[in-house]
C-alpha atoms as a PDB file:
ATOM      1  CA  MET A   1       1.540   6.651 -43.101  1.00  0.00           C
ATOM      2  CA  SER A   2       1.179   7.215 -39.338  1.00  0.00           C
ATOM      3  CA  ALA A   3       3.374  10.339 -38.953  1.00  0.00           C
ATOM      4  CA  VAL A   4       1.909  13.804 -39.595  1.00  0.00           C
ATOM      5  CA  GLU A   5       3.843  17.069 -39.420  1.00  0.00           C
ATOM      6  CA  LEU A   6       1.826  19.521 -37.339  1.00  0.00           C
ATOM      7  CA  THR A   7       1.286  23.005 -38.740  1.00  0.00           C
ATOM      8  CA  THR A   8       3.563  25.738 -37.384  1.00  0.00           C
ATOM      9  CA  LYS A   9       1.536  28.725 -36.156  1.00  0.00           C
ATOM     10  CA  TYR A  10       3.197  32.016 -35.171  1.00  0.00           C
ATOM     11  CA  VAL A  11       1.273  33.838 -32.408  1.00  0.00           C
ATOM     12  CA  GLU A  12       1.842  37.529 -31.710  1.00  0.00           C
ATOM     13  CA  LYS A  13       1.936  38.621 -28.048  1.00  0.00           C
ATOM     14  CA  PRO A  14       2.615  42.000 -26.427  1.00  0.00           C
ATOM     15  CA  TRP A  15       5.409  40.374 -24.430  1.00  0.00           C
ATOM     16  CA  GLY A  16       6.914  38.550 -27.448  1.00  0.00           C
ATOM     17  CA  ARG A  17      10.041  39.232 -29.509  1.00  0.00           C
ATOM     18  CA  THR A  18      10.812  40.479 -32.996  1.00  0.00           C
ATOM     19  CA  THR A  19      13.908  38.257 -33.296  1.00  0.00           C
ATOM     20  CA  LEU A  20      13.509  34.487 -33.048  1.00  0.00           C
ATOM     21  CA  PRO A  21      15.990  31.594 -33.203  1.00  0.00           C
ATOM     22  CA  ASP A  22      17.120  30.611 -36.697  1.00  0.00           C
ATOM     23  CA  ILE A  23      14.919  27.493 -36.701  1.00  0.00           C
ATOM     24  CA  PHE A  24      11.892  29.834 -36.860  1.00  0.00           C
ATOM     25  CA  PRO A  25      12.587  32.028 -39.919  1.00  0.00           C
ATOM     26  CA  ASP A  26       9.014  33.172 -40.597  1.00  0.00           C
ATOM     27  CA  GLY A  27       8.369  35.587 -37.736  1.00  0.00           C
ATOM     28  CA  GLY A  28       8.658  38.417 -40.233  1.00  0.00           C
ATOM     29  CA  GLY A  29       9.650  41.100 -37.723  1.00  0.00           C
ATOM     30  CA  ARG A  30       6.368  40.660 -35.844  1.00  0.00           C
ATOM     31  CA  ARG A  31       6.324  40.505 -32.046  1.00  0.00           C
ATOM     32  CA  ILE A  32       6.041  36.730 -31.750  1.00  0.00           C
ATOM     33  CA  GLY A  33       5.489  35.290 -28.286  1.00  0.00           C
ATOM     34  CA  GLU A  34       4.562  31.726 -29.143  1.00  0.00           C
ATOM     35  CA  VAL A  35       4.982  29.168 -31.881  1.00  0.00           C
ATOM     36  CA  TRP A  36       2.263  26.493 -31.742  1.00  0.00           C
ATOM     37  CA  PHE A  37       1.990  23.211 -33.556  1.00  0.00           C
ATOM     38  CA  ASP A  38      -1.615  22.801 -34.695  1.00  0.00           C
ATOM     39  CA  GLY A  39      -3.674  19.991 -36.093  1.00  0.00           C
ATOM     40  CA  PRO A  40      -3.922  17.703 -37.885  1.00  0.00           C
ATOM     41  CA  GLU A  41      -6.617  19.754 -39.633  1.00  0.00           C
ATOM     42  CA  GLY A  42     -10.037  19.310 -38.083  1.00  0.00           C
ATOM     43  CA  ARG A  43      -8.656  17.514 -35.032  1.00  0.00           C
ATOM     44  CA  HIS A  44      -7.836  18.501 -31.474  1.00  0.00           C
ATOM     45  CA  PRO A  45      -5.095  16.201 -30.100  1.00  0.00           C
ATOM     46  CA  PRO A  46      -4.876  15.859 -26.309  1.00  0.00           C
ATOM     47  CA  LEU A  47      -1.433  17.515 -26.100  1.00  0.00           C
ATOM     48  CA  LEU A  48      -0.221  20.862 -27.427  1.00  0.00           C
ATOM     49  CA  VAL A  49       3.436  21.691 -28.019  1.00  0.00           C
ATOM     50  CA  LYS A  50       4.623  25.276 -28.235  1.00  0.00           C
ATOM     51  CA  TYR A  51       7.761  27.393 -28.025  1.00  0.00           C
ATOM     52  CA  ILE A  52       7.593  30.574 -25.933  1.00  0.00           C
ATOM     53  CA  PHE A  53       9.801  33.668 -26.355  1.00  0.00           C
ATOM     54  CA  THR A  54       9.523  36.470 -23.779  1.00  0.00           C
ATOM     55  CA  SER A  55      10.703  40.064 -23.592  1.00  0.00           C
ATOM     56  CA  GLU A  56       8.477  40.899 -20.598  1.00  0.00           C
ATOM     57  CA  LYS A  57       6.919  38.966 -17.731  1.00  0.00           C
ATOM     58  CA  LEU A  58       3.795  36.970 -18.497  1.00  0.00           C
ATOM     59  CA  SER A  59       0.772  37.272 -16.225  1.00  0.00           C
ATOM     60  CA  VAL A  60       0.590  35.502 -12.869  1.00  0.00           C
ATOM     61  CA  GLN A  61      -1.854  32.720 -13.685  1.00  0.00           C
ATOM     62  CA  VAL A  62      -3.202  29.295 -12.841  1.00  0.00           C
ATOM     63  CA  HIS A  63      -4.993  26.410 -14.594  1.00  0.00           C
ATOM     64  CA  PRO A  64      -7.639  23.983 -13.264  1.00  0.00           C
ATOM     65  CA  ASP A  65      -7.146  20.240 -12.993  1.00  0.00           C
ATOM     66  CA  ASP A  66      -9.202  17.766 -14.995  1.00  0.00           C
ATOM     67  CA  ALA A  67     -12.056  17.505 -12.494  1.00  0.00           C
ATOM     68  CA  GLN A  68     -12.262  21.279 -12.034  1.00  0.00           C
ATOM     69  CA  GLY A  69     -12.136  21.846 -15.790  1.00  0.00           C
ATOM     70  CA  ARG A  70     -14.921  19.371 -16.493  1.00  0.00           C
ATOM     71  CA  ALA A  71     -17.043  20.940 -13.752  1.00  0.00           C
ATOM     72  CA  ARG A  72     -16.720  24.197 -15.716  1.00  0.00           C
ATOM     73  CA  GLY A  73     -17.820  22.595 -18.979  1.00  0.00           C
ATOM     74  CA  LEU A  74     -14.325  22.101 -20.411  1.00  0.00           C
ATOM     75  CA  ALA A  75     -12.787  18.940 -21.838  1.00  0.00           C
ATOM     76  CA  GLY A  76     -10.422  18.796 -18.841  1.00  0.00           C
ATOM     77  CA  GLY A  77      -7.748  20.792 -17.098  1.00  0.00           C
ATOM     78  CA  LYS A  78      -4.243  21.882 -17.964  1.00  0.00           C
ATOM     79  CA  SER A  79      -0.972  20.696 -16.537  1.00  0.00           C
ATOM     80  CA  GLU A  80       2.171  21.655 -18.414  1.00  0.00           C
ATOM     81  CA  CYS A  81       5.948  21.465 -18.371  1.00  0.00           C
ATOM     82  CA  TRP A  82       8.792  23.696 -19.481  1.00  0.00           C
ATOM     83  CA  LEU A  83      12.269  23.018 -20.824  1.00  0.00           C
ATOM     84  CA  ILE A  84      14.468  26.117 -20.845  1.00  0.00           C
ATOM     85  CA  LEU A  85      16.362  26.460 -24.132  1.00  0.00           C
ATOM     86  CA  ASP A  86      17.887  29.889 -23.557  1.00  0.00           C
ATOM     87  CA  ALA A  87      17.836  32.463 -20.776  1.00  0.00           C
ATOM     88  CA  GLU A  88      19.243  35.969 -20.528  1.00  0.00           C
ATOM     89  CA  PRO A  89      21.299  36.803 -17.413  1.00  0.00           C
ATOM     90  CA  GLY A  90      18.968  37.225 -14.456  1.00  0.00           C
ATOM     91  CA  ALA A  91      15.996  35.518 -16.143  1.00  0.00           C
ATOM     92  CA  THR A  92      13.501  33.914 -13.770  1.00  0.00           C
ATOM     93  CA  LEU A  93      10.335  31.846 -13.652  1.00  0.00           C
ATOM     94  CA  GLY A  94       7.700  32.323 -10.966  1.00  0.00           C
ATOM     95  CA  MET A  95       6.568  28.947  -9.616  1.00  0.00           C
ATOM     96  CA  GLY A  96       4.480  28.715  -6.490  1.00  0.00           C
ATOM     97  CA  THR A  97       4.397  31.244  -3.684  1.00  0.00           C
ATOM     98  CA  ARG A  98       7.078  31.828  -1.077  1.00  0.00           C
ATOM     99  CA  MET A  99       4.631  30.785   1.655  1.00  0.00           C
ATOM    100  CA  LYS A 100       1.229  29.148   1.766  1.00  0.00           C
ATOM    101  CA  LEU A 101      -1.532  31.714   1.103  1.00  0.00           C
ATOM    102  CA  ASP A 102      -5.185  31.379   2.003  1.00  0.00           C
ATOM    103  CA  ASP A 103      -7.851  32.459  -0.486  1.00  0.00           C
ATOM    104  CA  GLU A 104      -8.393  35.890   1.079  1.00  0.00           C
ATOM    105  CA  THR A 105      -4.677  36.713   1.089  1.00  0.00           C
ATOM    106  CA  LEU A 106      -4.298  35.500  -2.504  1.00  0.00           C
ATOM    107  CA  ARG A 107      -7.236  37.654  -3.608  1.00  0.00           C
ATOM    108  CA  ASP A 108      -5.976  40.769  -1.832  1.00  0.00           C
ATOM    109  CA  ALA A 109      -2.429  40.287  -3.122  1.00  0.00           C
ATOM    110  CA  SER A 110      -3.686  39.819  -6.691  1.00  0.00           C
ATOM    111  CA  LEU A 111      -5.727  43.020  -6.498  1.00  0.00           C
ATOM    112  CA  ASP A 112      -3.021  45.240  -5.007  1.00  0.00           C
ATOM    113  CA  GLY A 113      -0.039  43.729  -6.846  1.00  0.00           C
ATOM    114  CA  ARG A 114       1.711  42.183  -3.844  1.00  0.00           C
ATOM    115  CA  ILE A 115       1.394  38.798  -5.541  1.00  0.00           C
ATOM    116  CA  GLU A 116       4.419  39.726  -7.659  1.00  0.00           C
ATOM    117  CA  GLN A 117       6.561  39.902  -4.503  1.00  0.00           C
ATOM    118  CA  LEU A 118       4.933  36.807  -2.973  1.00  0.00           C
ATOM    119  CA  MET A 119       5.772  34.649  -5.992  1.00  0.00           C
ATOM    120  CA  ASP A 120       8.842  32.412  -5.776  1.00  0.00           C
ATOM    121  CA  TRP A 121      10.958  33.714  -8.683  1.00  0.00           C
ATOM    122  CA  LYS A 122      13.583  31.087  -9.477  1.00  0.00           C
ATOM    123  CA  PRO A 123      16.666  31.886 -11.625  1.00  0.00           C
ATOM    124  CA  VAL A 124      16.852  29.679 -14.715  1.00  0.00           C
ATOM    125  CA  LYS A 125      19.449  28.526 -17.223  1.00  0.00           C
ATOM    126  CA  PRO A 126      19.423  26.368 -20.364  1.00  0.00           C
ATOM    127  CA  GLY A 127      18.523  22.755 -19.625  1.00  0.00           C
ATOM    128  CA  ASP A 128      16.353  23.464 -16.590  1.00  0.00           C
ATOM    129  CA  PHE A 129      13.155  21.387 -16.650  1.00  0.00           C
ATOM    130  CA  PHE A 130      10.029  22.125 -14.628  1.00  0.00           C
ATOM    131  CA  TYR A 131       6.673  20.363 -14.324  1.00  0.00           C
ATOM    132  CA  ILE A 132       3.792  22.750 -13.545  1.00  0.00           C
ATOM    133  CA  PRO A 133       0.837  20.701 -12.293  1.00  0.00           C
ATOM    134  CA  ALA A 134      -2.641  22.188 -12.508  1.00  0.00           C
ATOM    135  CA  GLY A 135      -3.283  24.500  -9.557  1.00  0.00           C
ATOM    136  CA  THR A 136       0.284  25.846  -9.430  1.00  0.00           C
ATOM    137  CA  VAL A 137       0.353  29.656  -9.369  1.00  0.00           C
ATOM    138  CA  HIS A 138       2.988  30.548 -11.946  1.00  0.00           C
ATOM    139  CA  ALA A 139       4.449  33.145 -14.319  1.00  0.00           C
ATOM    140  CA  ILE A 140       7.150  33.102 -16.983  1.00  0.00           C
ATOM    141  CA  GLY A 141       9.651  35.934 -16.647  1.00  0.00           C
ATOM    142  CA  ALA A 142      11.337  38.068 -19.306  1.00  0.00           C
ATOM    143  CA  GLY A 143      14.296  36.938 -21.398  1.00  0.00           C
ATOM    144  CA  VAL A 144      13.356  33.266 -21.616  1.00  0.00           C
ATOM    145  CA  THR A 145      13.083  30.847 -24.539  1.00  0.00           C
ATOM    146  CA  LEU A 146      11.422  27.563 -23.661  1.00  0.00           C
ATOM    147  CA  VAL A 147       9.514  24.659 -25.128  1.00  0.00           C
ATOM    148  CA  GLU A 148       6.251  23.787 -23.425  1.00  0.00           C
ATOM    149  CA  VAL A 149       4.241  20.568 -23.548  1.00  0.00           C
ATOM    150  CA  GLN A 150       0.742  20.888 -22.110  1.00  0.00           C
ATOM    151  CA  GLN A 151      -2.683  19.370 -22.021  1.00  0.00           C
ATOM    152  CA  ASN A 152      -4.506  20.842 -24.998  1.00  0.00           C
ATOM    153  CA  VAL A 153      -7.236  22.729 -23.151  1.00  0.00           C
ATOM    154  CA  ASP A 154      -7.590  26.470 -23.701  1.00  0.00           C
ATOM    155  CA  VAL A 155      -8.050  27.603 -20.118  1.00  0.00           C
ATOM    156  CA  THR A 156      -5.967  30.179 -18.260  1.00  0.00           C
ATOM    157  CA  TYR A 157      -7.099  32.144 -15.223  1.00  0.00           C
ATOM    158  CA  ARG A 158      -5.107  35.368 -14.859  1.00  0.00           C
ATOM    159  CA  LEU A 159      -4.632  36.554 -11.290  1.00  0.00           C
ATOM    160  CA  TYR A 160      -2.379  39.557 -11.970  1.00  0.00           C
ATOM    161  CA  ASP A 161      -1.101  41.243 -15.140  1.00  0.00           C
ATOM    162  CA  TYR A 162       1.132  44.142 -14.016  1.00  0.00           C
ATOM    163  CA  GLY A 163      -1.508  46.738 -14.896  1.00  0.00           C
ATOM    164  CA  ARG A 164      -1.925  45.618 -18.512  1.00  0.00           C
ATOM    165  CA  PRO A 165      -5.511  46.167 -19.704  1.00  0.00           C
ATOM    166  CA  ARG A 166      -6.531  42.515 -19.883  1.00  0.00           C
ATOM    167  CA  GLU A 167      -9.289  40.679 -18.067  1.00  0.00           C
ATOM    168  CA  LEU A 168      -8.511  38.971 -14.770  1.00  0.00           C
ATOM    169  CA  HIS A 169     -10.275  35.811 -13.598  1.00  0.00           C
ATOM    170  CA  LEU A 170     -10.078  36.071  -9.824  1.00  0.00           C
ATOM    171  CA  GLU A 171     -13.103  33.972  -8.869  1.00  0.00           C
ATOM    172  CA  ASP A 172     -12.173  30.959 -10.955  1.00  0.00           C
ATOM    173  CA  GLY A 173      -8.463  31.467 -10.431  1.00  0.00           C
ATOM    174  CA  ILE A 174      -8.597  31.565  -6.656  1.00  0.00           C
ATOM    175  CA  ALA A 175     -10.967  28.595  -6.599  1.00  0.00           C
ATOM    176  CA  VAL A 176      -8.448  26.339  -8.376  1.00  0.00           C
ATOM    177  CA  SER A 177      -5.189  27.772  -6.974  1.00  0.00           C
ATOM    178  CA  VAL A 178      -2.843  25.813  -4.748  1.00  0.00           C
ATOM    179  CA  ALA A 179      -0.937  28.845  -3.479  1.00  0.00           C
ATOM    180  CA  GLU A 180       2.050  27.296  -1.753  1.00  0.00           C
ATOM    181  CA  PRO A 181       5.787  26.776  -2.344  1.00  0.00           C
ATOM    182  CA  TYR A 182       6.795  24.766  -5.411  1.00  0.00           C
ATOM    183  CA  ALA A 183       8.092  21.472  -4.058  1.00  0.00           C
ATOM    184  CA  ARG A 184       9.461  19.522  -7.051  1.00  0.00           C
ATOM    185  CA  ALA A 185      13.233  19.116  -6.979  1.00  0.00           C
ATOM    186  CA  PRO A 186      15.102  21.052  -9.700  1.00  0.00           C
ATOM    187  CA  VAL A 187      16.334  19.099 -12.726  1.00  0.00           C
ATOM    188  CA  ASN A 188      18.853  20.231 -15.348  1.00  0.00           C
ATOM    189  CA  ILE A 189      19.271  18.044 -18.446  1.00  0.00           C
ATOM    190  CA  GLU A 190      21.686  20.185 -20.468  1.00  0.00           C
ATOM    191  CA  ALA A 191      24.500  17.624 -20.214  1.00  0.00           C
ATOM    192  CA  MET A 192      22.259  14.542 -20.458  1.00  0.00           C
ATOM    193  CA  ALA A 193      21.749  12.466 -23.588  1.00  0.00           C
ATOM    194  CA  GLN A 194      18.657  10.648 -22.316  1.00  0.00           C
ATOM    195  CA  ALA A 195      16.274  11.294 -19.448  1.00  0.00           C
ATOM    196  CA  SER A 196      12.794  10.295 -18.355  1.00  0.00           C
ATOM    197  CA  LEU A 197      11.266  13.660 -17.483  1.00  0.00           C
ATOM    198  CA  LEU A 198       7.639  12.800 -16.670  1.00  0.00           C
ATOM    199  CA  GLU A 199       5.744   9.570 -16.058  1.00  0.00           C
ATOM    200  CA  ARG A 200       2.036   8.921 -15.736  1.00  0.00           C
ATOM    201  CA  ASP A 201       2.217   8.422 -11.966  1.00  0.00           C
ATOM    202  CA  GLU A 202       2.979  12.157 -11.677  1.00  0.00           C
ATOM    203  CA  ALA A 203       1.480  13.819 -14.759  1.00  0.00           C
ATOM    204  CA  PRO A 204      -1.325  13.253 -17.300  1.00  0.00           C
ATOM    205  CA  PHE A 205       1.291  12.593 -20.001  1.00  0.00           C
ATOM    206  CA  ARG A 206       4.787  11.162 -20.390  1.00  0.00           C
ATOM    207  CA  LEU A 207       7.852  13.019 -21.605  1.00  0.00           C
ATOM    208  CA  ALA A 208      11.389  11.867 -22.346  1.00  0.00           C
ATOM    209  CA  LEU A 209      14.583  13.395 -23.680  1.00  0.00           C
ATOM    210  CA  GLU A 210      16.271  11.287 -26.368  1.00  0.00           C
ATOM    211  CA  THR A 211      19.506  11.999 -28.239  1.00  0.00           C
ATOM    212  CA  LEU A 212      19.371   9.991 -31.465  1.00  0.00           C
ATOM    213  CA  PRO A 213      22.525   9.185 -33.462  1.00  0.00           C
ATOM    214  CA  PRO A 214      22.429   8.783 -37.244  1.00  0.00           C
ATOM    215  CA  GLY A 215      20.629   5.673 -38.410  1.00  0.00           C
ATOM    216  CA  ALA A 216      17.154   4.201 -38.842  1.00  0.00           C
ATOM    217  CA  ARG A 217      14.789   2.948 -36.150  1.00  0.00           C
ATOM    218  CA  ASP A 218      11.083   2.484 -35.476  1.00  0.00           C
ATOM    219  CA  ILE A 219       9.245   4.984 -33.293  1.00  0.00           C
ATOM    220  CA  GLY A 220       5.779   4.921 -31.745  1.00  0.00           C
ATOM    221  CA  GLY A 221       3.432   1.962 -31.686  1.00  0.00           C
ATOM    222  CA  ASP A 222       2.175   2.385 -28.111  1.00  0.00           C
ATOM    223  CA  GLY A 223      -0.551   4.995 -28.478  1.00  0.00           C
ATOM    224  CA  PRO A 224      -0.087   8.468 -29.946  1.00  0.00           C
ATOM    225  CA  CYS A 225       3.259  10.164 -29.464  1.00  0.00           C
ATOM    226  CA  TRP A 226       4.645  13.591 -30.263  1.00  0.00           C
ATOM    227  CA  PHE A 227       8.111  13.739 -31.839  1.00  0.00           C
ATOM    228  CA  ILE A 228       9.664  17.118 -30.988  1.00  0.00           C
ATOM    229  CA  PRO A 229      13.133  17.516 -32.555  1.00  0.00           C
ATOM    230  CA  LEU A 230      15.056  20.366 -30.962  1.00  0.00           C
ATOM    231  CA  SER A 231      17.893  19.827 -33.453  1.00  0.00           C
ATOM    232  CA  GLY A 232      18.975  17.423 -36.166  1.00  0.00           C
ATOM    233  CA  SER A 233      17.359  16.298 -39.401  1.00  0.00           C
ATOM    234  CA  GLY A 234      16.265  13.204 -41.272  1.00  0.00           C
ATOM    235  CA  THR A 235      13.092  11.556 -42.544  1.00  0.00           C
ATOM    236  CA  LEU A 236       9.999  10.193 -40.836  1.00  0.00           C
ATOM    237  CA  ASP A 237       8.035   7.672 -42.878  1.00  0.00           C
ATOM    238  CA  GLY A 238      10.012   9.013 -45.840  1.00  0.00           C
ATOM    239  CA  LYS A 239       9.107  12.674 -45.207  1.00  0.00           C
ATOM    240  CA  PRO A 240      11.845  15.165 -44.265  1.00  0.00           C
ATOM    241  CA  TRP A 241      11.984  16.569 -40.729  1.00  0.00           C
ATOM    242  CA  GLU A 242      14.265  19.032 -38.955  1.00  0.00           C
ATOM    243  CA  GLY A 243      14.687  20.803 -35.643  1.00  0.00           C
ATOM    244  CA  GLY A 244      11.913  23.243 -34.741  1.00  0.00           C
ATOM    245  CA  GLN A 245       9.089  21.015 -35.966  1.00  0.00           C
ATOM    246  CA  CYS A 246       6.596  18.769 -34.193  1.00  0.00           C
ATOM    247  CA  TRP A 247       5.127  15.520 -35.528  1.00  0.00           C
ATOM    248  CA  LEU A 248       2.177  13.478 -34.300  1.00  0.00           C
ATOM    249  CA  ILE A 249       2.756   9.738 -34.682  1.00  0.00           C
ATOM    250  CA  GLU A 250      -0.152   7.339 -34.400  1.00  0.00           C
ATOM    251  CA  GLY A 251       0.899   3.741 -34.768  1.00  0.00           C
ATOM    252  CA  GLU A 252       4.461   2.897 -35.735  1.00  0.00           C
ATOM    253  CA  ALA A 253       6.645   5.015 -38.014  1.00  0.00           C
ATOM    254  CA  ARG A 254      10.125   4.649 -39.494  1.00  0.00           C
ATOM    255  CA  LEU A 255      12.488   7.336 -38.255  1.00  0.00           C
ATOM    256  CA  ASP A 256      15.746   7.974 -40.078  1.00  0.00           C
ATOM    257  CA  VAL A 257      18.245  10.361 -38.489  1.00  0.00           C
ATOM    258  CA  VAL A 258      20.807  12.008 -40.766  1.00  0.00           C
ATOM    259  CA  ASP A 259      22.225  14.597 -38.339  1.00  0.00           C
ATOM    260  CA  THR A 260      22.333  13.653 -34.639  1.00  0.00           C
ATOM    261  CA  ALA A 261      19.081  14.833 -33.062  1.00  0.00           C
ATOM    262  CA  ARG A 262      18.267  16.067 -29.575  1.00  0.00           C
ATOM    263  CA  THR A 263      14.553  15.410 -29.180  1.00  0.00           C
ATOM    264  CA  LEU A 264      11.647  15.362 -26.797  1.00  0.00           C
ATOM    265  CA  ILE A 265       9.138  12.543 -27.145  1.00  0.00           C
ATOM    266  CA  ALA A 266       5.753  12.908 -25.452  1.00  0.00           C
ATOM    267  CA  GLY A 267       3.011  10.316 -25.035  1.00  0.00           C
ATOM    268  CA  LEU A 268      -0.122   9.508 -23.080  1.00  0.00           C
END
């Protein structure tokens, strides 16, 4: 069998929520900020998929690219992307800065809090998709539910955290920051059935939206892929799957869809 269901891991965060969508029934009243999909056991796949649920703003932060990460002794860097699943009225994401900032201005603004006003806070709604390349200064706002696909490298440099008592990483963060306006054109896929969201000429991984009607088909076969059902149900290599899971497929697998599925499929 080439399809493995990845383990669901609930991660508590001070900015998380005590009420999660119905597809995640095991939060147990805890303040859950993230749901990760780990494994397979003993392995560290190159991509990580997670859901994020916010009740407060996350820190203003940045990630290095592959070359910068390796120079710091890491396996690589971290680029990521976000698909908005739900957003409260007025919810925003901070992506890039409203103007280009030099290193000294970025440092000063991070220390005195002006960075919050210098961020470009964009209003969001369900279906909005954003690619956040390494180096982008960014922050997720309150009242957002999103699914994130990222390079699986545990590296985040916090520039500003609204006075919360957590470590900042100004030296590394400023060194890797590209503090300028976010240039990628907005994309909303809420009404789309299929869409190519990322290709390798832009990002270190591929991502596509697929709406799959009932029936059987083969999936995978061209390197590892991550099957991320947002809804629907069926079987994968004879094992049941449903929305809110994530599966790693290496080789080719047989996918049977019982209830029409809206899915993300990621690959390298």
